[in-house]
Amino acid sequence: MSRTPAGVPDGLVAAMGRHLDDPQLVELTHIIAIENHRSRFTIAFGIGATGFSEGMVCARPAGIDPPTGG
């Protein structure tokens, strides 16, 4: 889907359809399209990596505890 020209093999759609219902397939396709758009946008403007892969993180404000699972 992110290639140029865009294309998704019918077999892939069929295989995914065995695990996801139609609304889930639409949602997944939507998220992929958003991320593809974001990637192409940042490339077009020469926006580079933000450093998260190198250990840079967004610090949590003081006094804010992380959510607990449950």
N, C-alpha and C. Protein backbone atom coordinates (compact mmCIF):
# COMPACT_ATOMS: atom_id res chain seq x y z
N MET A 1 0.81 -1.19 0.00
CA MET A 1 0.00 0.00 0.00
C MET A 1 0.86 1.25 0.00
N SER A 2 2.06 1.15 0.54
CA SER A 2 2.95 2.32 0.61
C SER A 2 3.89 2.42 -0.58
N ARG A 3 3.85 1.43 -1.45
CA ARG A 3 4.70 1.47 -2.63
C ARG A 3 4.12 2.41 -3.68
N THR A 4 4.96 2.79 -4.64
CA THR A 4 4.50 3.60 -5.76
C THR A 4 4.77 2.80 -7.02
N PRO A 5 3.77 2.44 -7.81
CA PRO A 5 2.35 2.70 -7.57
C PRO A 5 1.79 1.80 -6.46
N ALA A 6 0.78 2.32 -5.81
CA ALA A 6 0.16 1.59 -4.69
C ALA A 6 -0.56 0.36 -5.19
N GLY A 7 -0.53 -0.69 -4.38
CA GLY A 7 -1.23 -1.90 -4.74
C GLY A 7 -1.17 -2.90 -3.60
N VAL A 8 -2.24 -3.63 -3.44
CA VAL A 8 -2.30 -4.67 -2.41
C VAL A 8 -2.81 -5.94 -3.08
N PRO A 9 -2.05 -7.02 -3.02
CA PRO A 9 -2.49 -8.26 -3.66
C PRO A 9 -3.80 -8.78 -3.07
N ASP A 10 -4.66 -9.31 -3.93
CA ASP A 10 -5.93 -9.86 -3.47
C ASP A 10 -5.72 -10.97 -2.44
N GLY A 11 -4.67 -11.76 -2.62
CA GLY A 11 -4.40 -12.84 -1.68
C GLY A 11 -4.13 -12.33 -0.27
N LEU A 12 -3.45 -11.19 -0.17
CA LEU A 12 -3.18 -10.60 1.14
C LEU A 12 -4.47 -10.15 1.80
N VAL A 13 -5.32 -9.51 1.02
CA VAL A 13 -6.62 -9.05 1.55
C VAL A 13 -7.44 -10.25 2.02
N ALA A 14 -7.45 -11.31 1.23
CA ALA A 14 -8.21 -12.51 1.60
C ALA A 14 -7.65 -13.14 2.87
N ALA A 15 -6.33 -13.21 2.98
CA ALA A 15 -5.71 -13.81 4.17
C ALA A 15 -6.02 -12.97 5.41
N MET A 16 -5.96 -11.67 5.28
CA MET A 16 -6.26 -10.80 6.42
C MET A 16 -7.74 -10.88 6.79
N GLY A 17 -8.58 -11.09 5.76
CA GLY A 17 -10.01 -11.21 5.99
C GLY A 17 -10.39 -12.44 6.82
N ARG A 18 -9.49 -13.40 6.91
CA ARG A 18 -9.75 -14.57 7.75
C ARG A 18 -9.53 -14.26 9.23
N HIS A 19 -8.86 -13.15 9.51
CA HIS A 19 -8.55 -12.78 10.89
C HIS A 19 -9.25 -11.51 11.34
N LEU A 20 -9.65 -10.67 10.38
CA LEU A 20 -10.26 -9.38 10.70
C LEU A 20 -11.60 -9.25 9.98
N ASP A 21 -12.56 -8.61 10.62
CA ASP A 21 -13.83 -8.35 9.94
C ASP A 21 -13.68 -7.08 9.09
N ASP A 22 -14.71 -6.75 8.32
CA ASP A 22 -14.62 -5.61 7.41
C ASP A 22 -14.29 -4.29 8.12
N PRO A 23 -14.97 -3.95 9.21
CA PRO A 23 -14.61 -2.70 9.90
C PRO A 23 -13.16 -2.68 10.38
N GLN A 24 -12.65 -3.82 10.82
CA GLN A 24 -11.25 -3.88 11.26
C GLN A 24 -10.30 -3.70 10.09
N LEU A 25 -10.62 -4.29 8.94
CA LEU A 25 -9.80 -4.11 7.74
C LEU A 25 -9.78 -2.64 7.31
N VAL A 26 -10.94 -2.00 7.38
CA VAL A 26 -11.02 -0.58 7.01
C VAL A 26 -10.18 0.25 7.98
N GLU A 27 -10.28 -0.04 9.27
CA GLU A 27 -9.50 0.71 10.25
C GLU A 27 -8.00 0.52 10.05
N LEU A 28 -7.57 -0.71 9.82
CA LEU A 28 -6.15 -0.98 9.59
C LEU A 28 -5.67 -0.26 8.34
N THR A 29 -6.45 -0.31 7.27
CA THR A 29 -6.09 0.37 6.03
C THR A 29 -5.98 1.87 6.25
N HIS A 30 -6.91 2.42 7.03
CA HIS A 30 -6.90 3.84 7.34
C HIS A 30 -5.63 4.24 8.09
N ILE A 31 -5.25 3.46 9.09
CA ILE A 31 -4.04 3.76 9.87
C ILE A 31 -2.79 3.67 8.99
N ILE A 32 -2.73 2.66 8.13
CA ILE A 32 -1.59 2.54 7.22
C ILE A 32 -1.52 3.76 6.31
N ALA A 33 -2.66 4.20 5.80
CA ALA A 33 -2.70 5.36 4.91
C ALA A 33 -2.25 6.62 5.64
N ILE A 34 -2.67 6.80 6.89
CA ILE A 34 -2.26 7.97 7.67
C ILE A 34 -0.74 7.96 7.87
N GLU A 35 -0.20 6.81 8.25
CA GLU A 35 1.25 6.73 8.48
C GLU A 35 2.02 6.93 7.18
N ASN A 36 1.51 6.42 6.07
CA ASN A 36 2.14 6.63 4.78
C ASN A 36 2.14 8.12 4.44
N HIS A 37 1.02 8.78 4.67
CA HIS A 37 0.91 10.22 4.42
C HIS A 37 1.91 10.99 5.28
N ARG A 38 1.96 10.64 6.55
CA ARG A 38 2.87 11.31 7.48
C ARG A 38 4.33 11.14 7.03
N SER A 39 4.68 9.95 6.62
CA SER A 39 6.04 9.68 6.18
C SER A 39 6.40 10.49 4.94
N ARG A 40 5.52 10.50 3.97
CA ARG A 40 5.79 11.24 2.73
C ARG A 40 5.84 12.75 2.99
N PHE A 41 5.01 13.22 3.89
CA PHE A 41 4.99 14.64 4.24
C PHE A 41 6.31 15.05 4.86
N THR A 42 6.79 14.26 5.84
CA THR A 42 8.04 14.62 6.50
C THR A 42 9.22 14.51 5.55
N ILE A 43 9.21 13.54 4.66
CA ILE A 43 10.28 13.42 3.67
C ILE A 43 10.29 14.64 2.76
N ALA A 44 9.11 15.07 2.32
CA ALA A 44 9.00 16.22 1.42
C ALA A 44 9.58 17.49 2.04
N PHE A 45 9.45 17.63 3.34
CA PHE A 45 9.95 18.82 4.02
C PHE A 45 11.33 18.61 4.66
N GLY A 46 11.93 17.45 4.41
CA GLY A 46 13.26 17.19 4.91
C GLY A 46 13.33 17.07 6.43
N ILE A 47 12.23 16.65 7.03
CA ILE A 47 12.20 16.49 8.48
C ILE A 47 12.87 15.17 8.83
N GLY A 48 13.88 15.23 9.65
CA GLY A 48 14.64 14.04 9.99
C GLY A 48 14.12 13.35 11.24
N ALA A 49 14.87 12.35 11.66
CA ALA A 49 14.52 11.58 12.86
C ALA A 49 14.54 12.49 14.09
N THR A 50 13.71 12.18 15.05
CA THR A 50 13.63 12.98 16.27
C THR A 50 14.49 12.43 17.39
N GLY A 51 15.07 11.26 17.20
CA GLY A 51 15.98 10.71 18.19
C GLY A 51 15.37 9.69 19.12
N PHE A 52 14.11 9.37 18.97
CA PHE A 52 13.48 8.41 19.88
C PHE A 52 14.15 7.05 19.81
N SER A 53 14.65 6.68 18.65
CA SER A 53 15.32 5.39 18.51
C SER A 53 16.66 5.35 19.24
N GLU A 54 17.22 6.53 19.49
CA GLU A 54 18.51 6.61 20.15
C GLU A 54 18.37 6.81 21.65
N GLY A 55 17.18 6.60 22.21
CA GLY A 55 16.99 6.70 23.65
C GLY A 55 16.40 8.01 24.12
N MET A 56 16.20 8.97 23.22
CA MET A 56 15.58 10.23 23.62
C MET A 56 14.11 9.94 23.93
N VAL A 57 13.61 10.49 25.00
CA VAL A 57 12.22 10.23 25.38
C VAL A 57 11.53 11.52 25.75
N CYS A 58 10.23 11.48 25.78
CA CYS A 58 9.44 12.60 26.30
C CYS A 58 9.31 12.39 27.80
N ALA A 59 9.81 13.33 28.55
CA ALA A 59 9.76 13.19 30.01
C ALA A 59 8.34 13.43 30.52
N ARG A 60 7.94 12.63 31.48
CA ARG A 60 6.63 12.78 32.11
C ARG A 60 6.71 13.95 33.09
N PRO A 61 5.72 14.85 33.07
CA PRO A 61 5.75 15.98 34.00
C PRO A 61 5.81 15.49 35.45
N ALA A 62 6.48 16.26 36.31
CA ALA A 62 6.59 15.90 37.72
C ALA A 62 5.21 15.77 38.33
N GLY A 63 5.06 14.76 39.18
CA GLY A 63 3.79 14.54 39.87
C GLY A 63 2.78 13.71 39.10
N ILE A 64 3.11 13.32 37.88
CA ILE A 64 2.20 12.50 37.07
C ILE A 64 2.70 11.07 37.10
N ASP A 65 1.94 10.19 37.70
CA ASP A 65 2.32 8.79 37.79
C ASP A 65 1.87 8.05 36.53
N PRO A 66 2.65 7.05 36.11
CA PRO A 66 2.24 6.29 34.93
C PRO A 66 0.97 5.50 35.23
N PRO A 67 0.16 5.24 34.20
CA PRO A 67 -1.05 4.44 34.41
C PRO A 67 -0.68 3.02 34.81
N THR A 68 -1.54 2.42 35.61
CA THR A 68 -1.33 1.04 36.01
C THR A 68 -2.20 0.15 35.15
N GLY A 69 -1.68 -1.00 34.79
CA GLY A 69 -2.45 -1.95 33.98
C GLY A 69 -3.53 -2.63 34.82
N GLY A 70 -4.53 -3.09 34.14
CA GLY A 70 -5.52 -3.80 34.91
C GLY A 70 -6.77 -3.98 34.28
